[in-house]
Amino acid sequence: MRSIPHVRSHLADWLVNEKEVRARRERVVFVGWQERLDTDFAELVGLLGLPSTTTLPADGYAANRAAPDRPQTLLSDHAVETVRAWFADDYRLIGLLSELGLTTPPADLAAMREEAAAA
């Protein structure tokens, strides 16, 4: 996991820990979600006062999207558990951000976070 650039960092790399989040909650401007990327990006553009013409890349390659004609690769149960364990602290920080009213996770992520907390 440490060798995969897009998963090797954690929320704690940015938020540090619960104490820091609580102390600096007023400085959290926005928490966005990939699952709501288009709507969250539009909201962020407004919050930052950027021109309404500011958009995400539409081209699949530039947006780093998988080709629509390629089948999705599903993770094994073991791989899913590995990922959940890797991000367990992140799920806890997401829970704190939610508790503080700084974000509302997508429903499927909230369910995964609850599962990870129970494990």
PDB file of N, CA and C in Angstrom:
ATOM      1  N   MET A   1       0.825  -1.189   0.000  1.00  0.00           N
ATOM      2  CA  MET A   1       0.000   0.000   0.000  1.00  0.00           C
ATOM      3  C   MET A   1       0.879   1.267   0.000  1.00  0.00           C
ATOM      4  N   ARG A   2       2.013   1.197   0.678  1.00  0.00           N
ATOM      5  CA  ARG A   2       2.890   2.370   0.734  1.00  0.00           C
ATOM      6  C   ARG A   2       3.474   2.726  -0.623  1.00  0.00           C
ATOM      7  N   SER A   3       3.508   1.772  -1.539  1.00  0.00           N
ATOM      8  CA  SER A   3       4.088   2.050  -2.853  1.00  0.00           C
ATOM      9  C   SER A   3       3.061   2.544  -3.873  1.00  0.00           C
ATOM     10  N   ILE A   4       1.795   2.631  -3.495  1.00  0.00           N
ATOM     11  CA  ILE A   4       0.748   3.086  -4.412  1.00  0.00           C
ATOM     12  C   ILE A   4       0.458   4.559  -4.097  1.00  0.00           C
ATOM     13  N   PRO A   5       0.885   5.470  -4.978  1.00  0.00           N
ATOM     14  CA  PRO A   5       0.777   6.903  -4.664  1.00  0.00           C
ATOM     15  C   PRO A   5      -0.614   7.388  -4.266  1.00  0.00           C
ATOM     16  N   HIS A   6      -1.655   6.897  -4.903  1.00  0.00           N
ATOM     17  CA  HIS A   6      -2.980   7.453  -4.619  1.00  0.00           C
ATOM     18  C   HIS A   6      -3.643   6.864  -3.377  1.00  0.00           C
ATOM     19  N   VAL A   7      -2.995   5.937  -2.684  1.00  0.00           N
ATOM     20  CA  VAL A   7      -3.564   5.430  -1.427  1.00  0.00           C
ATOM     21  C   VAL A   7      -2.586   5.488  -0.255  1.00  0.00           C
ATOM     22  N   ARG A   8      -1.343   5.877  -0.506  1.00  0.00           N
ATOM     23  CA  ARG A   8      -0.360   5.810   0.578  1.00  0.00           C
ATOM     24  C   ARG A   8      -0.516   6.901   1.619  1.00  0.00           C
ATOM     25  N   SER A   9      -1.170   7.996   1.282  1.00  0.00           N
ATOM     26  CA  SER A   9      -1.362   9.027   2.303  1.00  0.00           C
ATOM     27  C   SER A   9      -2.695   8.819   3.011  1.00  0.00           C
ATOM     28  N   HIS A  10      -2.774   9.394   4.188  1.00  0.00           N
ATOM     29  CA  HIS A  10      -3.960   9.260   5.032  1.00  0.00           C
ATOM     30  C   HIS A  10      -4.473  10.640   5.421  1.00  0.00           C
ATOM     31  N   LEU A  11      -5.710  10.694   5.873  1.00  0.00           N
ATOM     32  CA  LEU A  11      -6.252  11.964   6.361  1.00  0.00           C
ATOM     33  C   LEU A  11      -5.399  12.530   7.485  1.00  0.00           C
ATOM     34  N   ALA A  12      -4.838  11.669   8.305  1.00  0.00           N
ATOM     35  CA  ALA A  12      -3.995  12.142   9.413  1.00  0.00           C
ATOM     36  C   ALA A  12      -2.756  12.876   8.900  1.00  0.00           C
ATOM     37  N   ASP A  13      -2.351  12.616   7.672  1.00  0.00           N
ATOM     38  CA  ASP A  13      -1.228  13.358   7.096  1.00  0.00           C
ATOM     39  C   ASP A  13      -1.585  14.842   6.975  1.00  0.00           C
ATOM     40  N   TRP A  14      -2.876  15.133   6.855  1.00  0.00           N
ATOM     41  CA  TRP A  14      -3.349  16.502   6.689  1.00  0.00           C
ATOM     42  C   TRP A  14      -4.017  17.023   7.961  1.00  0.00           C
ATOM     43  N   LEU A  15      -4.798  16.173   8.613  1.00  0.00           N
ATOM     44  CA  LEU A  15      -5.585  16.610   9.760  1.00  0.00           C
ATOM     45  C   LEU A  15      -4.915  16.323  11.099  1.00  0.00           C
ATOM     46  N   VAL A  16      -3.889  15.529  11.114  1.00  0.00           N
ATOM     47  CA  VAL A  16      -3.057  15.139  12.254  1.00  0.00           C
ATOM     48  C   VAL A  16      -3.781  14.155  13.164  1.00  0.00           C
ATOM     49  N   ASN A  17      -4.731  14.637  13.967  1.00  0.00           N
ATOM     50  CA  ASN A  17      -5.435  13.755  14.896  1.00  0.00           C
ATOM     51  C   ASN A  17      -6.718  14.438  15.360  1.00  0.00           C
ATOM     52  N   GLU A  18      -7.484  13.739  16.194  1.00  0.00           N
ATOM     53  CA  GLU A  18      -8.767  14.273  16.658  1.00  0.00           C
ATOM     54  C   GLU A  18      -8.605  15.602  17.383  1.00  0.00           C
ATOM     55  N   LYS A  19      -7.610  15.701  18.235  1.00  0.00           N
ATOM     56  CA  LYS A  19      -7.387  16.934  18.993  1.00  0.00           C
ATOM     57  C   LYS A  19      -7.170  18.122  18.058  1.00  0.00           C
ATOM     58  N   GLU A  20      -6.348  17.938  17.032  1.00  0.00           N
ATOM     59  CA  GLU A  20      -6.074  19.015  16.069  1.00  0.00           C
ATOM     60  C   GLU A  20      -7.318  19.380  15.277  1.00  0.00           C
ATOM     61  N   VAL A  21      -8.099  18.385  14.877  1.00  0.00           N
ATOM     62  CA  VAL A  21      -9.322  18.657  14.120  1.00  0.00           C
ATOM     63  C   VAL A  21     -10.266  19.499  14.974  1.00  0.00           C
ATOM     64  N   ARG A  22     -10.433  19.105  16.218  1.00  0.00           N
ATOM     65  CA  ARG A  22     -11.328  19.862  17.110  1.00  0.00           C
ATOM     66  C   ARG A  22     -10.819  21.290  17.324  1.00  0.00           C
ATOM     67  N   ALA A  23      -9.512  21.448  17.486  1.00  0.00           N
ATOM     68  CA  ALA A  23      -8.931  22.767  17.729  1.00  0.00           C
ATOM     69  C   ALA A  23      -9.008  23.675  16.498  1.00  0.00           C
ATOM     70  N   ARG A  24      -8.990  23.075  15.316  1.00  0.00           N
ATOM     71  CA  ARG A  24      -8.942  23.865  14.079  1.00  0.00           C
ATOM     72  C   ARG A  24     -10.194  23.722  13.214  1.00  0.00           C
ATOM     73  N   ARG A  25     -11.271  23.268  13.788  1.00  0.00           N
ATOM     74  CA  ARG A  25     -12.473  22.992  12.999  1.00  0.00           C
ATOM     75  C   ARG A  25     -12.950  24.201  12.203  1.00  0.00           C
ATOM     76  N   GLU A  26     -12.751  25.416  12.715  1.00  0.00           N
ATOM     77  CA  GLU A  26     -13.182  26.619  12.000  1.00  0.00           C
ATOM     78  C   GLU A  26     -12.375  26.850  10.725  1.00  0.00           C
ATOM     79  N   ARG A  27     -11.211  26.196  10.640  1.00  0.00           N
ATOM     80  CA  ARG A  27     -10.346  26.384   9.470  1.00  0.00           C
ATOM     81  C   ARG A  27     -10.646  25.382   8.358  1.00  0.00           C
ATOM     82  N   VAL A  28     -11.507  24.407   8.643  1.00  0.00           N
ATOM     83  CA  VAL A  28     -11.895  23.445   7.602  1.00  0.00           C
ATOM     84  C   VAL A  28     -12.945  24.125   6.740  1.00  0.00           C
ATOM     85  N   VAL A  29     -12.577  24.405   5.499  1.00  0.00           N
ATOM     86  CA  VAL A  29     -13.459  25.135   4.600  1.00  0.00           C
ATOM     87  C   VAL A  29     -14.429  24.198   3.895  1.00  0.00           C
ATOM     88  N   PHE A  30     -13.952  23.024   3.525  1.00  0.00           N
ATOM     89  CA  PHE A  30     -14.793  22.151   2.716  1.00  0.00           C
ATOM     90  C   PHE A  30     -14.234  20.735   2.753  1.00  0.00           C
ATOM     91  N   VAL A  31     -15.122  19.763   2.810  1.00  0.00           N
ATOM     92  CA  VAL A  31     -14.754  18.360   2.679  1.00  0.00           C
ATOM     93  C   VAL A  31     -15.578  17.809   1.527  1.00  0.00           C
ATOM     94  N   GLY A  32     -14.912  17.448   0.451  1.00  0.00           N
ATOM     95  CA  GLY A  32     -15.605  16.930  -0.728  1.00  0.00           C
ATOM     96  C   GLY A  32     -15.463  15.427  -0.845  1.00  0.00           C
ATOM     97  N   TRP A  33     -16.279  14.865  -1.712  1.00  0.00           N
ATOM     98  CA  TRP A  33     -16.320  13.418  -1.883  1.00  0.00           C
ATOM     99  C   TRP A  33     -16.251  13.051  -3.353  1.00  0.00           C
ATOM    100  N   GLN A  34     -15.434  12.065  -3.655  1.00  0.00           N
ATOM    101  CA  GLN A  34     -15.324  11.582  -5.032  1.00  0.00           C
ATOM    102  C   GLN A  34     -16.676  11.090  -5.537  1.00  0.00           C
ATOM    103  N   GLU A  35     -17.444  10.483  -4.646  1.00  0.00           N
ATOM    104  CA  GLU A  35     -18.751   9.949  -5.039  1.00  0.00           C
ATOM    105  C   GLU A  35     -19.718  11.053  -5.483  1.00  0.00           C
ATOM    106  N   ARG A  36     -19.462  12.285  -5.068  1.00  0.00           N
ATOM    107  CA  ARG A  36     -20.279  13.440  -5.451  1.00  0.00           C
ATOM    108  C   ARG A  36     -19.400  14.492  -6.127  1.00  0.00           C
ATOM    109  N   LEU A  37     -18.432  14.047  -6.885  1.00  0.00           N
ATOM    110  CA  LEU A  37     -17.396  14.933  -7.403  1.00  0.00           C
ATOM    111  C   LEU A  37     -17.963  16.137  -8.151  1.00  0.00           C
ATOM    112  N   ASP A  38     -18.897  15.925  -9.064  1.00  0.00           N
ATOM    113  CA  ASP A  38     -19.403  17.044  -9.861  1.00  0.00           C
ATOM    114  C   ASP A  38     -20.101  18.093  -8.999  1.00  0.00           C
ATOM    115  N   THR A  39     -21.002  17.661  -8.131  1.00  0.00           N
ATOM    116  CA  THR A  39     -21.728  18.636  -7.300  1.00  0.00           C
ATOM    117  C   THR A  39     -20.821  19.249  -6.241  1.00  0.00           C
ATOM    118  N   ASP A  40     -19.947  18.453  -5.643  1.00  0.00           N
ATOM    119  CA  ASP A  40     -19.034  18.995  -4.636  1.00  0.00           C
ATOM    120  C   ASP A  40     -18.048  19.981  -5.264  1.00  0.00           C
ATOM    121  N   PHE A  41     -17.581  19.687  -6.467  1.00  0.00           N
ATOM    122  CA  PHE A  41     -16.658  20.605  -7.136  1.00  0.00           C
ATOM    123  C   PHE A  41     -17.349  21.933  -7.420  1.00  0.00           C
ATOM    124  N   ALA A  42     -18.588  21.875  -7.889  1.00  0.00           N
ATOM    125  CA  ALA A  42     -19.337  23.107  -8.160  1.00  0.00           C
ATOM    126  C   ALA A  42     -19.503  23.920  -6.880  1.00  0.00           C
ATOM    127  N   GLU A  43     -19.781  23.261  -5.772  1.00  0.00           N
ATOM    128  CA  GLU A  43     -19.917  23.960  -4.490  1.00  0.00           C
ATOM    129  C   GLU A  43     -18.588  24.589  -4.079  1.00  0.00           C
ATOM    130  N   LEU A  44     -17.495  23.865  -4.259  1.00  0.00           N
ATOM    131  CA  LEU A  44     -16.178  24.392  -3.905  1.00  0.00           C
ATOM    132  C   LEU A  44     -15.826  25.604  -4.761  1.00  0.00           C
ATOM    133  N   VAL A  45     -16.136  25.553  -6.034  1.00  0.00           N
ATOM    134  CA  VAL A  45     -15.887  26.693  -6.922  1.00  0.00           C
ATOM    135  C   VAL A  45     -16.596  27.933  -6.381  1.00  0.00           C
ATOM    136  N   GLY A  46     -17.845  27.764  -5.958  1.00  0.00           N
ATOM    137  CA  GLY A  46     -18.587  28.889  -5.389  1.00  0.00           C
ATOM    138  C   GLY A  46     -17.978  29.388  -4.088  1.00  0.00           C
ATOM    139  N   LEU A  47     -17.623  28.462  -3.196  1.00  0.00           N
ATOM    140  CA  LEU A  47     -17.026  28.850  -1.916  1.00  0.00           C
ATOM    141  C   LEU A  47     -15.729  29.635  -2.095  1.00  0.00           C
ATOM    142  N   LEU A  48     -14.950  29.252  -3.090  1.00  0.00           N
ATOM    143  CA  LEU A  48     -13.667  29.913  -3.325  1.00  0.00           C
ATOM    144  C   LEU A  48     -13.789  31.162  -4.190  1.00  0.00           C
ATOM    145  N   GLY A  49     -15.005  31.427  -4.678  1.00  0.00           N
ATOM    146  CA  GLY A  49     -15.211  32.607  -5.514  1.00  0.00           C
ATOM    147  C   GLY A  49     -14.538  32.509  -6.870  1.00  0.00           C
ATOM    148  N   LEU A  50     -14.370  31.293  -7.356  1.00  0.00           N
ATOM    149  CA  LEU A  50     -13.752  31.105  -8.669  1.00  0.00           C
ATOM    150  C   LEU A  50     -14.778  31.375  -9.765  1.00  0.00           C
ATOM    151  N   PRO A  51     -14.323  31.668 -10.968  1.00  0.00           N
ATOM    152  CA  PRO A  51     -15.264  31.895 -12.069  1.00  0.00           C
ATOM    153  C   PRO A  51     -16.122  30.646 -12.310  1.00  0.00           C
ATOM    154  N   SER A  52     -17.370  30.849 -12.674  1.00  0.00           N
ATOM    155  CA  SER A  52     -18.272  29.722 -12.920  1.00  0.00           C
ATOM    156  C   SER A  52     -17.817  28.874 -14.096  1.00  0.00           C
ATOM    157  N   THR A  53     -16.890  29.379 -14.867  1.00  0.00           N
ATOM    158  CA  THR A  53     -16.346  28.611 -15.993  1.00  0.00           C
ATOM    159  C   THR A  53     -15.284  27.608 -15.532  1.00  0.00           C
ATOM    160  N   THR A  54     -14.921  27.625 -14.251  1.00  0.00           N
ATOM    161  CA  THR A  54     -13.953  26.670 -13.713  1.00  0.00           C
ATOM    162  C   THR A  54     -14.604  25.298 -13.683  1.00  0.00           C
ATOM    163  N   THR A  55     -14.016  24.359 -14.396  1.00  0.00           N
ATOM    164  CA  THR A  55     -14.616  23.027 -14.507  1.00  0.00           C
ATOM    165  C   THR A  55     -13.567  21.941 -14.326  1.00  0.00           C
ATOM    166  N   LEU A  56     -14.057  20.750 -14.099  1.00  0.00           N
ATOM    167  CA  LEU A  56     -13.202  19.565 -14.073  1.00  0.00           C
ATOM    168  C   LEU A  56     -12.915  19.139 -15.501  1.00  0.00           C
ATOM    169  N   PRO A  57     -11.844  18.399 -15.727  1.00  0.00           N
ATOM    170  CA  PRO A  57     -11.576  17.917 -17.085  1.00  0.00           C
ATOM    171  C   PRO A  57     -12.701  16.998 -17.571  1.00  0.00           C
ATOM    172  N   ALA A  58     -13.096  17.161 -18.806  1.00  0.00           N
ATOM    173  CA  ALA A  58     -14.159  16.331 -19.386  1.00  0.00           C
ATOM    174  C   ALA A  58     -13.585  15.115 -20.101  1.00  0.00           C
ATOM    175  N   ASP A  59     -12.376  15.237 -20.586  1.00  0.00           N
ATOM    176  CA  ASP A  59     -11.719  14.140 -21.296  1.00  0.00           C
ATOM    177  C   ASP A  59     -11.390  13.021 -20.313  1.00  0.00           C
ATOM    178  N   GLY A  60     -11.746  11.807 -20.645  1.00  0.00           N
ATOM    179  CA  GLY A  60     -11.514  10.667 -19.761  1.00  0.00           C
ATOM    180  C   GLY A  60     -10.064  10.500 -19.357  1.00  0.00           C
ATOM    181  N   TYR A  61      -9.148  10.700 -20.308  1.00  0.00           N
ATOM    182  CA  TYR A  61      -7.730  10.549 -20.000  1.00  0.00           C
ATOM    183  C   TYR A  61      -7.279  11.639 -19.029  1.00  0.00           C
ATOM    184  N   ALA A  62      -7.629  12.886 -19.313  1.00  0.00           N
ATOM    185  CA  ALA A  62      -7.228  14.000 -18.455  1.00  0.00           C
ATOM    186  C   ALA A  62      -7.860  13.876 -17.067  1.00  0.00           C
ATOM    187  N   ALA A  63      -9.066  13.305 -17.000  1.00  0.00           N
ATOM    188  CA  ALA A  63      -9.763  13.140 -15.722  1.00  0.00           C
ATOM    189  C   ALA A  63      -9.315  11.881 -14.989  1.00  0.00           C
ATOM    190  N   ASN A  64      -8.445  11.106 -15.630  1.00  0.00           N
ATOM    191  CA  ASN A  64      -7.931   9.865 -15.056  1.00  0.00           C
ATOM    192  C   ASN A  64      -9.052   8.852 -14.789  1.00  0.00           C
ATOM    193  N   ARG A  65      -9.981   8.764 -15.743  1.00  0.00           N
ATOM    194  CA  ARG A  65     -11.080   7.804 -15.636  1.00  0.00           C
ATOM    195  C   ARG A  65     -10.721   6.533 -16.388  1.00  0.00           C
ATOM    196  N   ALA A  66     -11.217   5.420 -15.889  1.00  0.00           N
ATOM    197  CA  ALA A  66     -11.044   4.157 -16.601  1.00  0.00           C
ATOM    198  C   ALA A  66     -11.878   4.208 -17.878  1.00  0.00           C
ATOM    199  N   ALA A  67     -11.400   3.560 -18.900  1.00  0.00           N
ATOM    200  CA  ALA A  67     -12.147   3.505 -20.155  1.00  0.00           C
ATOM    201  C   ALA A  67     -13.482   2.814 -19.912  1.00  0.00           C
ATOM    202  N   PRO A  68     -14.588   3.381 -20.420  1.00  0.00           N
ATOM    203  CA  PRO A  68     -15.904   2.798 -20.156  1.00  0.00           C
ATOM    204  C   PRO A  68     -16.087   1.399 -20.723  1.00  0.00           C
ATOM    205  N   ASP A  69     -15.296   1.047 -21.735  1.00  0.00           N
ATOM    206  CA  ASP A  69     -15.440  -0.279 -22.337  1.00  0.00           C
ATOM    207  C   ASP A  69     -14.610  -1.355 -21.628  1.00  0.00           C
ATOM    208  N   ARG A  70     -13.836  -0.953 -20.614  1.00  0.00           N
ATOM    209  CA  ARG A  70     -13.041  -1.923 -19.855  1.00  0.00           C
ATOM    210  C   ARG A  70     -13.838  -2.413 -18.661  1.00  0.00           C
ATOM    211  N   PRO A  71     -13.825  -3.694 -18.424  1.00  0.00           N
ATOM    212  CA  PRO A  71     -14.564  -4.208 -17.262  1.00  0.00           C
ATOM    213  C   PRO A  71     -13.912  -3.756 -15.956  1.00  0.00           C
ATOM    214  N   GLN A  72     -14.738  -3.531 -14.951  1.00  0.00           N
ATOM    215  CA  GLN A  72     -14.211  -3.157 -13.646  1.00  0.00           C
ATOM    216  C   GLN A  72     -13.592  -4.384 -12.993  1.00  0.00           C
ATOM    217  N   THR A  73     -12.505  -4.163 -12.302  1.00  0.00           N
ATOM    218  CA  THR A  73     -11.867  -5.225 -11.547  1.00  0.00           C
ATOM    219  C   THR A  73     -12.359  -5.138 -10.107  1.00  0.00           C
ATOM    220  N   LEU A  74     -12.952  -6.211  -9.623  1.00  0.00           N
ATOM    221  CA  LEU A  74     -13.438  -6.234  -8.255  1.00  0.00           C
ATOM    222  C   LEU A  74     -12.347  -6.765  -7.326  1.00  0.00           C
ATOM    223  N   LEU A  75     -12.344  -6.270  -6.122  1.00  0.00           N
ATOM    224  CA  LEU A  75     -11.370  -6.733  -5.135  1.00  0.00           C
ATOM    225  C   LEU A  75     -11.880  -7.991  -4.443  1.00  0.00           C
ATOM    226  N   SER A  76     -10.959  -8.845  -4.079  1.00  0.00           N
ATOM    227  CA  SER A  76     -11.320 -10.032  -3.305  1.00  0.00           C
ATOM    228  C   SER A  76     -11.731  -9.603  -1.901  1.00  0.00           C
ATOM    229  N   ASP A  77     -12.378 -10.491  -1.177  1.00  0.00           N
ATOM    230  CA  ASP A  77     -12.762 -10.186   0.205  1.00  0.00           C
ATOM    231  C   ASP A  77     -11.533  -9.840   1.041  1.00  0.00           C
ATOM    232  N   HIS A  78     -10.445 -10.574   0.824  1.00  0.00           N
ATOM    233  CA  HIS A  78      -9.206 -10.301   1.558  1.00  0.00           C
ATOM    234  C   HIS A  78      -8.679  -8.903   1.215  1.00  0.00           C
ATOM    235  N   ALA A  79      -8.722  -8.548  -0.051  1.00  0.00           N
ATOM    236  CA  ALA A  79      -8.246  -7.229  -0.465  1.00  0.00           C
ATOM    237  C   ALA A  79      -9.107  -6.130   0.145  1.00  0.00           C
ATOM    238  N   VAL A  80     -10.417  -6.335   0.183  1.00  0.00           N
ATOM    239  CA  VAL A  80     -11.320  -5.356   0.799  1.00  0.00           C
ATOM    240  C   VAL A  80     -10.979  -5.169   2.273  1.00  0.00           C
ATOM    241  N   GLU A  81     -10.737  -6.255   2.981  1.00  0.00           N
ATOM    242  CA  GLU A  81     -10.371  -6.167   4.397  1.00  0.00           C
ATOM    243  C   GLU A  81      -9.033  -5.457   4.575  1.00  0.00           C
ATOM    244  N   THR A  82      -8.097  -5.699   3.670  1.00  0.00           N
ATOM    245  CA  THR A  82      -6.797  -5.033   3.725  1.00  0.00           C
ATOM    246  C   THR A  82      -6.963  -3.527   3.560  1.00  0.00           C
ATOM    247  N   VAL A  83      -7.767  -3.122   2.596  1.00  0.00           N
ATOM    248  CA  VAL A  83      -8.006  -1.692   2.356  1.00  0.00           C
ATOM    249  C   VAL A  83      -8.717  -1.072   3.555  1.00  0.00           C
ATOM    250  N   ARG A  84      -9.709  -1.754   4.094  1.00  0.00           N
ATOM    251  CA  ARG A  84     -10.427  -1.227   5.260  1.00  0.00           C
ATOM    252  C   ARG A  84      -9.489  -1.060   6.454  1.00  0.00           C
ATOM    253  N   ALA A  85      -8.614  -2.022   6.656  1.00  0.00           N
ATOM    254  CA  ALA A  85      -7.658  -1.923   7.763  1.00  0.00           C
ATOM    255  C   ALA A  85      -6.686  -0.767   7.521  1.00  0.00           C
ATOM    256  N   TRP A  86      -6.233  -0.609   6.278  1.00  0.00           N
ATOM    257  CA  TRP A  86      -5.299   0.452   5.926  1.00  0.00           C
ATOM    258  C   TRP A  86      -5.893   1.828   6.212  1.00  0.00           C
ATOM    259  N   PHE A  87      -7.181   1.978   5.940  1.00  0.00           N
ATOM    260  CA  PHE A  87      -7.838   3.271   6.105  1.00  0.00           C
ATOM    261  C   PHE A  87      -8.672   3.374   7.384  1.00  0.00           C
ATOM    262  N   ALA A  88      -8.503   2.472   8.331  1.00  0.00           N
ATOM    263  CA  ALA A  88      -9.313   2.477   9.559  1.00  0.00           C
ATOM    264  C   ALA A  88      -9.233   3.817  10.290  1.00  0.00           C
ATOM    265  N   ASP A  89      -8.039   4.386  10.427  1.00  0.00           N
ATOM    266  CA  ASP A  89      -7.906   5.680  11.101  1.00  0.00           C
ATOM    267  C   ASP A  89      -8.603   6.790  10.309  1.00  0.00           C
ATOM    268  N   ASP A  90      -8.569   6.686   8.979  1.00  0.00           N
ATOM    269  CA  ASP A  90      -9.266   7.664   8.148  1.00  0.00           C
ATOM    270  C   ASP A  90     -10.772   7.602   8.391  1.00  0.00           C
ATOM    271  N   TYR A  91     -11.297   6.395   8.498  1.00  0.00           N
ATOM    272  CA  TYR A  91     -12.734   6.257   8.778  1.00  0.00           C
ATOM    273  C   TYR A  91     -13.079   6.923  10.108  1.00  0.00           C
ATOM    274  N   ARG A  92     -12.205   6.796  11.094  1.00  0.00           N
ATOM    275  CA  ARG A  92     -12.461   7.437  12.389  1.00  0.00           C
ATOM    276  C   ARG A  92     -12.447   8.966  12.252  1.00  0.00           C
ATOM    277  N   LEU A  93     -11.501   9.497  11.480  1.00  0.00           N
ATOM    278  CA  LEU A  93     -11.458  10.941  11.270  1.00  0.00           C
ATOM    279  C   LEU A  93     -12.673  11.417  10.470  1.00  0.00           C
ATOM    280  N   ILE A  94     -13.114  10.623   9.519  1.00  0.00           N
ATOM    281  CA  ILE A  94     -14.329  10.963   8.774  1.00  0.00           C
ATOM    282  C   ILE A  94     -15.515  11.008   9.735  1.00  0.00           C
ATOM    283  N   GLY A  95     -15.560  10.048  10.649  1.00  0.00           N
ATOM    284  CA  GLY A  95     -16.613  10.055  11.656  1.00  0.00           C
ATOM    285  C   GLY A  95     -16.590  11.332  12.484  1.00  0.00           C
ATOM    286  N   LEU A  96     -15.399  11.771  12.870  1.00  0.00           N
ATOM    287  CA  LEU A  96     -15.261  13.002  13.643  1.00  0.00           C
ATOM    288  C   LEU A  96     -15.708  14.211  12.820  1.00  0.00           C
ATOM    289  N   LEU A  97     -15.276  14.290  11.564  1.00  0.00           N
ATOM    290  CA  LEU A  97     -15.692  15.390  10.700  1.00  0.00           C
ATOM    291  C   LEU A  97     -17.207  15.428  10.559  1.00  0.00           C
ATOM    292  N   SER A  98     -17.815  14.262  10.481  1.00  0.00           N
ATOM    293  CA  SER A  98     -19.278  14.173  10.408  1.00  0.00           C
ATOM    294  C   SER A  98     -19.905  14.638  11.713  1.00  0.00           C
ATOM    295  N   GLU A  99     -19.362  14.147  12.815  1.00  0.00           N
ATOM    296  CA  GLU A  99     -19.873  14.508  14.149  1.00  0.00           C
ATOM    297  C   GLU A  99     -19.832  16.019  14.361  1.00  0.00           C
ATOM    298  N   LEU A 100     -18.792  16.659  13.860  1.00  0.00           N
ATOM    299  CA  LEU A 100     -18.631  18.103  14.012  1.00  0.00           C
ATOM    300  C   LEU A 100     -19.451  18.894  12.999  1.00  0.00           C
ATOM    301  N   GLY A 101     -20.171  18.187  12.122  1.00  0.00           N
ATOM    302  CA  GLY A 101     -21.001  18.861  11.125  1.00  0.00           C
ATOM    303  C   GLY A 101     -20.227  19.440   9.964  1.00  0.00           C
ATOM    304  N   LEU A 102     -19.003  18.958   9.746  1.00  0.00           N
ATOM    305  CA  LEU A 102     -18.169  19.480   8.669  1.00  0.00           C
ATOM    306  C   LEU A 102     -18.345  18.741   7.359  1.00  0.00           C
ATOM    307  N   THR A 103     -19.021  17.593   7.385  1.00  0.00           N
ATOM    308  CA  THR A 103     -19.272  16.834   6.168  1.00  0.00           C
ATOM    309  C   THR A 103     -20.374  15.822   6.422  1.00  0.00           C
ATOM    310  N   THR A 104     -20.948  15.370   5.343  1.00  0.00           N
ATOM    311  CA  THR A 104     -21.904  14.263   5.385  1.00  0.00           C
ATOM    312  C   THR A 104     -21.429  13.256   4.345  1.00  0.00           C
ATOM    313  N   PRO A 105     -20.867  12.136   4.795  1.00  0.00           N
ATOM    314  CA  PRO A 105     -20.356  11.153   3.836  1.00  0.00           C
ATOM    315  C   PRO A 105     -21.483  10.551   3.003  1.00  0.00           C
ATOM    316  N   PRO A 106     -21.156  10.114   1.792  1.00  0.00           N
ATOM    317  CA  PRO A 106     -22.133   9.369   1.007  1.00  0.00           C
ATOM    318  C   PRO A 106     -22.604   8.148   1.799  1.00  0.00           C
ATOM    319  N   ALA A 107     -23.825   7.710   1.567  1.00  0.00           N
ATOM    320  CA  ALA A 107     -24.425   6.627   2.353  1.00  0.00           C
ATOM    321  C   ALA A 107     -23.581   5.357   2.341  1.00  0.00           C
ATOM    322  N   ASP A 108     -23.042   4.969   1.178  1.00  0.00           N
ATOM    323  CA  ASP A 108     -22.268   3.729   1.122  1.00  0.00           C
ATOM    324  C   ASP A 108     -20.973   3.830   1.913  1.00  0.00           C
ATOM    325  N   LEU A 109     -20.371   4.999   1.970  1.00  0.00           N
ATOM    326  CA  LEU A 109     -19.152   5.176   2.747  1.00  0.00           C
ATOM    327  C   LEU A 109     -19.464   5.157   4.234  1.00  0.00           C
ATOM    328  N   ALA A 110     -20.576   5.753   4.614  1.00  0.00           N
ATOM    329  CA  ALA A 110     -20.963   5.749   6.020  1.00  0.00           C
ATOM    330  C   ALA A 110     -21.153   4.314   6.508  1.00  0.00           C
ATOM    331  N   ALA A 111     -21.750   3.468   5.688  1.00  0.00           N
ATOM    332  CA  ALA A 111     -21.951   2.068   6.060  1.00  0.00           C
ATOM    333  C   ALA A 111     -20.612   1.351   6.202  1.00  0.00           C
ATOM    334  N   MET A 112     -19.678   1.610   5.286  1.00  0.00           N
ATOM    335  CA  MET A 112     -18.349   0.987   5.370  1.00  0.00           C
ATOM    336  C   MET A 112     -17.623   1.444   6.623  1.00  0.00           C
ATOM    337  N   ARG A 113     -17.751   2.725   6.978  1.00  0.00           N
ATOM    338  CA  ARG A 113     -17.093   3.253   8.170  1.00  0.00           C
ATOM    339  C   ARG A 113     -17.625   2.567   9.417  1.00  0.00           C
ATOM    340  N   GLU A 114     -18.936   2.356   9.470  1.00  0.00           N
ATOM    341  CA  GLU A 114     -19.532   1.679  10.619  1.00  0.00           C
ATOM    342  C   GLU A 114     -19.025   0.241  10.725  1.00  0.00           C
ATOM    343  N   GLU A 115     -18.909  -0.433   9.583  1.00  0.00           N
ATOM    344  CA  GLU A 115     -18.379  -1.787   9.574  1.00  0.00           C
ATOM    345  C   GLU A 115     -16.946  -1.821  10.087  1.00  0.00           C
ATOM    346  N   ALA A 116     -16.134  -0.858   9.636  1.00  0.00           N
ATOM    347  CA  ALA A 116     -14.729  -0.813  10.052  1.00  0.00           C
ATOM    348  C   ALA A 116     -14.610  -0.532  11.548  1.00  0.00           C
ATOM    349  N   ALA A 117     -15.482   0.317  12.063  1.00  0.00           N
ATOM    350  CA  ALA A 117     -15.434   0.642  13.492  1.00  0.00           C
ATOM    351  C   ALA A 117     -15.825  -0.572  14.335  1.00  0.00           C
ATOM    352  N   ALA A 118     -16.719  -1.404  13.811  1.00  0.00           N
ATOM    353  CA  ALA A 118     -17.165  -2.585  14.544  1.00  0.00           C
ATOM    354  C   ALA A 118     -16.112  -3.688  14.535  1.00  0.00           C
ATOM    355  N   ALA A 119     -15.221  -3.651  13.552  1.00  0.00           N
ATOM    356  CA  ALA A 119     -14.216  -4.717  13.412  1.00  0.00           C
ATOM    357  C   ALA A 119     -13.104  -4.590  14.434  1.00  0.00           C
TER     358      ALA A 119
END
